[in-house]
Protein backbone atom coordinates (compact mmCIF):
# COMPACT_ATOMS: atom_id res chain seq x y z
CA MET A 1 160.05 -17.85 126.48
CA LEU A 2 161.32 -14.85 124.61
CA ARG A 3 158.30 -14.65 122.35
CA MET A 4 156.02 -14.81 125.82
CA ASN A 5 158.03 -11.61 127.35
CA SER A 6 157.62 -9.90 123.73
CA THR A 7 153.91 -10.24 124.02
CA GLN A 8 153.56 -9.03 127.72
CA ASP A 9 155.90 -6.03 126.86
CA CYS A 10 153.54 -5.29 123.69
CA VAL A 11 150.29 -5.50 126.21
CA LYS A 12 151.86 -3.27 128.81
CA LYS A 13 152.92 -0.78 126.07
CA TRP A 14 149.52 -0.63 124.72
CA ARG A 15 147.53 -1.27 128.01
CA SER A 16 146.63 2.76 128.21
CA HIS A 17 145.82 2.79 124.78
CA ILE A 18 143.09 -0.22 125.15
CA ALA A 19 141.79 1.34 128.47
CA ILE A 20 141.24 4.71 126.94
CA ALA A 21 139.77 3.21 123.67
CA ALA A 22 137.32 1.25 125.86
CA THR A 23 136.42 4.25 127.63
CA THR A 24 135.88 6.04 124.33
CA VAL A 25 133.35 3.38 123.58
CA LEU A 26 131.65 2.85 126.88
CA LEU A 27 131.40 6.20 128.27
CA PRO A 28 128.48 7.38 126.12
CA LEU A 29 126.58 3.95 126.93
CA ILE A 30 127.18 4.75 130.53
CA VAL A 31 126.40 8.07 130.89
CA VAL A 32 123.42 8.23 128.44
CA PRO A 33 121.05 6.18 130.43
CA LEU A 34 121.71 8.52 133.36
CA ILE A 35 120.63 11.83 131.52
CA PRO A 36 116.71 12.26 132.07
CA SER A 37 115.33 11.31 128.54
CA ASP A 38 111.96 13.55 128.53
CA SER A 39 112.05 15.41 132.08
CA VAL A 40 108.69 17.01 131.07
CA SER A 41 106.99 13.96 130.74
CA PRO A 42 105.89 12.20 134.02
CA TYR A 43 104.66 8.94 132.92
CA SER A 44 106.66 6.10 131.44
CA PHE A 45 105.11 2.79 130.99
CA GLU A 46 104.95 -0.34 129.24
CA ALA A 47 101.82 -0.99 127.59
CA THR A 48 99.80 -3.23 125.04
CA LEU A 49 97.45 -1.36 122.49
CA THR A 50 94.24 -3.35 122.99
CA SER A 51 92.08 -1.36 120.24
CA GLN A 52 92.11 1.76 118.09
CA LEU A 53 89.48 4.35 119.37
CA GLY A 54 89.76 6.92 116.37
CA GLN A 55 92.02 9.43 114.94
CA SER A 56 91.79 13.40 114.61
CA SER A 57 90.25 14.80 111.41
CA ASN A 58 93.60 15.86 109.90
CA GLU A 59 94.88 12.23 110.71
CA GLN A 60 97.75 13.69 112.94
CA LEU A 61 96.68 11.96 116.42
CA VAL A 62 95.81 8.39 116.75
CA TYR A 63 93.97 7.29 119.92
CA TYR A 64 94.51 3.70 121.26
CA GLU A 65 93.18 1.94 124.47
CA ALA A 66 96.23 0.64 126.27
CA GLN A 67 96.86 -2.02 128.85
CA VAL A 68 99.66 -1.01 131.31
CA ALA A 69 101.80 -3.76 132.32
CA GLN A 70 104.53 -1.97 134.40
CA GLY A 71 105.78 1.59 135.04
CA GLU A 72 104.55 4.92 135.98
CA ALA A 73 100.78 5.46 134.43
CA PRO A 74 97.86 7.24 135.48
CA ALA A 75 95.76 4.18 135.52
CA ASP A 76 95.68 0.43 134.63
CA ILE A 77 93.93 1.18 131.22
CA VAL A 78 94.74 4.56 129.27
CA VAL A 79 94.24 5.92 126.23
CA VAL A 80 97.53 6.98 124.49
CA ALA A 81 97.41 9.69 121.81
CA LEU A 82 100.20 9.15 119.42
CA ASP A 83 101.27 12.08 117.27
CA LEU A 84 102.36 11.06 113.92
CA ASN A 85 104.30 14.23 113.52
CA TYR A 86 105.82 14.69 116.93
CA THR A 87 105.87 11.41 118.84
CA ARG A 88 109.49 10.30 118.53
CA GLY A 89 110.10 6.50 117.95
CA LEU A 90 107.10 5.68 116.01
CA ASP A 91 106.98 2.87 113.25
CA ASP A 92 104.83 0.38 111.82
CA VAL A 93 105.00 -1.97 114.71
CA ALA A 94 104.74 0.43 117.50
CA HIS A 95 101.08 1.63 116.57
CA GLU A 96 99.45 -1.31 115.44
CA THR A 97 96.69 -2.99 117.48
CA GLY A 98 98.28 -5.94 119.66
CA SER A 99 101.54 -4.34 119.73
CA THR A 100 103.77 -3.42 122.91
CA GLY A 101 106.36 -0.84 123.76
CA TRP A 102 107.04 1.71 126.42
CA PHE A 103 105.32 4.90 126.19
CA ARG A 104 106.42 8.26 127.49
CA GLY A 105 104.25 11.11 127.88
CA SER A 106 101.90 13.67 130.00
CA LEU A 107 98.23 13.70 130.51
CA MET A 108 96.67 15.38 127.29
CA THR A 109 95.44 18.70 128.19
CA PRO A 110 95.11 21.97 125.99
CA GLU A 111 98.48 22.96 127.47
CA VAL A 112 100.18 19.84 126.36
CA PHE A 113 98.40 19.61 123.08
CA TYR A 114 96.68 22.88 121.41
CA GLY A 115 95.09 21.17 118.61
CA GLU A 116 91.97 18.95 118.20
CA GLN A 117 91.25 16.37 120.81
CA TYR A 118 89.10 13.55 121.69
CA LEU A 119 87.36 12.92 125.13
CA PHE A 120 87.25 9.40 126.10
CA PHE A 121 85.12 9.79 129.67
CA GLY A 122 86.42 7.95 132.38
CA ILE A 123 89.76 7.14 130.84
CA ASP A 124 93.05 9.04 131.47
CA GLU A 125 94.38 10.11 128.10
CA VAL A 126 98.08 10.34 127.89
CA TYR A 127 99.86 12.19 124.77
CA VAL A 128 103.06 10.37 123.95
CA SER A 129 106.13 12.05 123.44
CA GLN A 130 108.43 9.01 122.96
CA VAL A 131 107.88 5.44 122.11
CA LYS A 132 110.41 2.76 122.85
CA THR A 133 110.80 -0.73 121.41
CA GLY A 134 114.34 -1.34 122.07
CA VAL A 135 116.79 -0.81 124.51
CA PHE A 136 116.99 3.26 124.23
CA TRP A 137 114.41 5.82 124.03
CA PRO A 138 114.68 7.61 120.72
CA ASN A 139 116.02 10.99 122.65
CA GLN A 140 118.61 8.59 123.90
CA VAL A 141 119.53 7.12 120.50
CA THR A 142 120.01 11.06 119.46
CA GLU A 143 122.38 11.71 122.45
CA LEU A 144 124.37 8.37 121.71
CA ARG A 145 124.95 9.50 118.29
CA ILE A 146 125.90 13.12 119.50
CA LEU A 147 128.45 11.96 121.62
CA TYR A 148 130.11 9.52 119.33
CA LEU A 149 130.44 12.13 116.80
CA SER A 150 131.74 14.84 119.30
CA PRO A 151 135.25 14.26 118.52
CA LEU A 152 134.48 15.18 115.02
CA THR A 153 132.25 17.84 115.39
CA THR A 154 134.71 19.40 117.84
CA VAL A 155 137.10 20.03 114.95
CA PHE A 156 134.56 22.47 113.57
CA ALA A 157 134.10 24.69 116.86
CA PRO A 158 136.30 27.36 115.63
CA ILE A 159 133.94 28.01 112.66
CA GLN A 160 130.87 27.64 114.74
CA ILE A 161 131.44 30.50 116.93
CA PRO A 162 130.66 33.22 114.56
CA PHE A 163 127.48 31.70 113.86
CA ILE A 164 126.67 31.14 117.46
CA LEU A 165 127.24 34.80 118.28
CA ARG A 166 124.39 35.71 115.85
CA SER A 167 122.06 32.99 117.18
CA ASP A 168 118.79 33.36 119.13
CA SER A 169 119.89 30.46 121.22
CA LEU A 170 123.01 32.13 122.32
CA SER A 171 123.82 31.07 125.73
CA SER A 172 126.97 31.43 128.15
CA ARG A 173 127.12 27.67 128.36
CA ILE A 174 127.15 27.11 124.74
CA ILE A 175 129.79 29.62 124.30
CA GLY A 176 131.89 28.23 127.22
CA THR A 177 131.56 24.78 125.58
CA LEU A 178 132.92 25.97 122.24
CA LEU A 179 135.62 27.98 123.88
CA ALA A 180 136.70 24.87 125.60
CA ARG A 181 136.44 22.61 122.38
CA CYS A 182 138.72 25.44 120.86
CA ALA A 183 141.37 25.20 123.77
CA LEU A 184 141.07 21.18 123.15
CA LEU A 185 141.87 21.27 119.63
CA PHE A 186 144.89 23.79 120.12
CA ALA A 187 146.12 21.72 123.04
CA THR A 188 145.95 18.31 121.05
CA ALA A 189 147.40 19.94 117.83
CA ILE A 190 150.35 21.06 119.80
CA PHE A 191 150.79 17.60 121.51
CA VAL A 192 150.64 15.76 118.13
CA ARG A 193 153.22 18.05 116.45
CA ARG A 194 155.66 17.40 119.38
CA ARG A 195 155.28 13.54 119.17
CA ARG A 196 154.37 13.27 115.35
CA SER A 197 157.19 10.86 115.02
CA GLU A 198 155.98 8.26 117.69
CA THR A 199 152.73 6.57 116.20
CA ALA A 200 151.76 4.95 119.73
CA SER A 201 152.06 8.52 121.59
CA VAL A 202 149.92 10.17 118.69
CA LEU A 203 147.38 7.56 119.21
CA LEU A 204 147.06 7.88 122.88
CA ILE A 205 146.50 11.71 122.38
CA LEU A 206 143.92 11.27 119.88
CA LEU A 207 142.27 8.96 121.98
CA ILE A 208 142.34 11.25 125.06
CA TYR A 209 141.10 13.89 122.78
CA ALA A 210 138.14 11.72 121.99
CA VAL A 211 137.00 11.29 125.72
CA ILE A 212 137.42 14.90 126.50
CA ALA A 213 135.46 15.92 123.37
CA MET A 214 132.75 13.67 124.78
CA LEU A 215 132.76 15.02 128.17
CA LEU A 216 132.73 18.92 126.90
CA THR A 217 129.40 17.78 124.90
CA LEU A 218 127.78 16.69 127.93
CA PRO A 219 126.86 20.25 129.24
CA ILE A 220 124.89 21.36 125.96
CA ILE A 221 123.77 17.80 124.57
CA GLY A 222 120.14 18.94 125.34
CA ASP A 223 120.71 21.81 123.08
CA LEU A 224 121.97 19.64 120.03
CA TYR A 225 118.66 18.21 119.04
């Protein structure tokens, strides 16, 4: 009975730690699917590559006829243009005849791709920006990595500010986020110093720091890749 009470007390003591640790792990997995993975690409569909139609003279673009299974596509049969330099998520499986995957892209026009183009008359041609063969789009995998690493990258916020001030990509949103990261570091250091003799309290403070660091990263996540 004494051992059971001791276990229950231990669980109660660490309940908040477990809850915040779970939040740290699950928050990116919940938030990232809600972020538009590629807002400039109107088409997102699952398709099977049925035949290779050709490739550009510099071998940068490979064209396949594809049978659409589901999703938003301009037609049931389309031509997908896979850019070996810029299409994210390409691998040996994703661009072989007979392979199936999810494709995201836009109708191929001179505005979308400025280089050499093939014309397949009567068939809509989609320039593919991303290919997904797993659970997440390539952009989402990058966003997950950024969020999980944000507690570490936040540590370097104070030394990033001088470089950002000289950057062409300077924006009020980025500056605001960096200043908020600096304030978070300062506050965390103060609380850890005050509770440094209490291991459980320090761990709780660091877990809260990790969650807040992730939340502060969300407004600028699109600027980080």
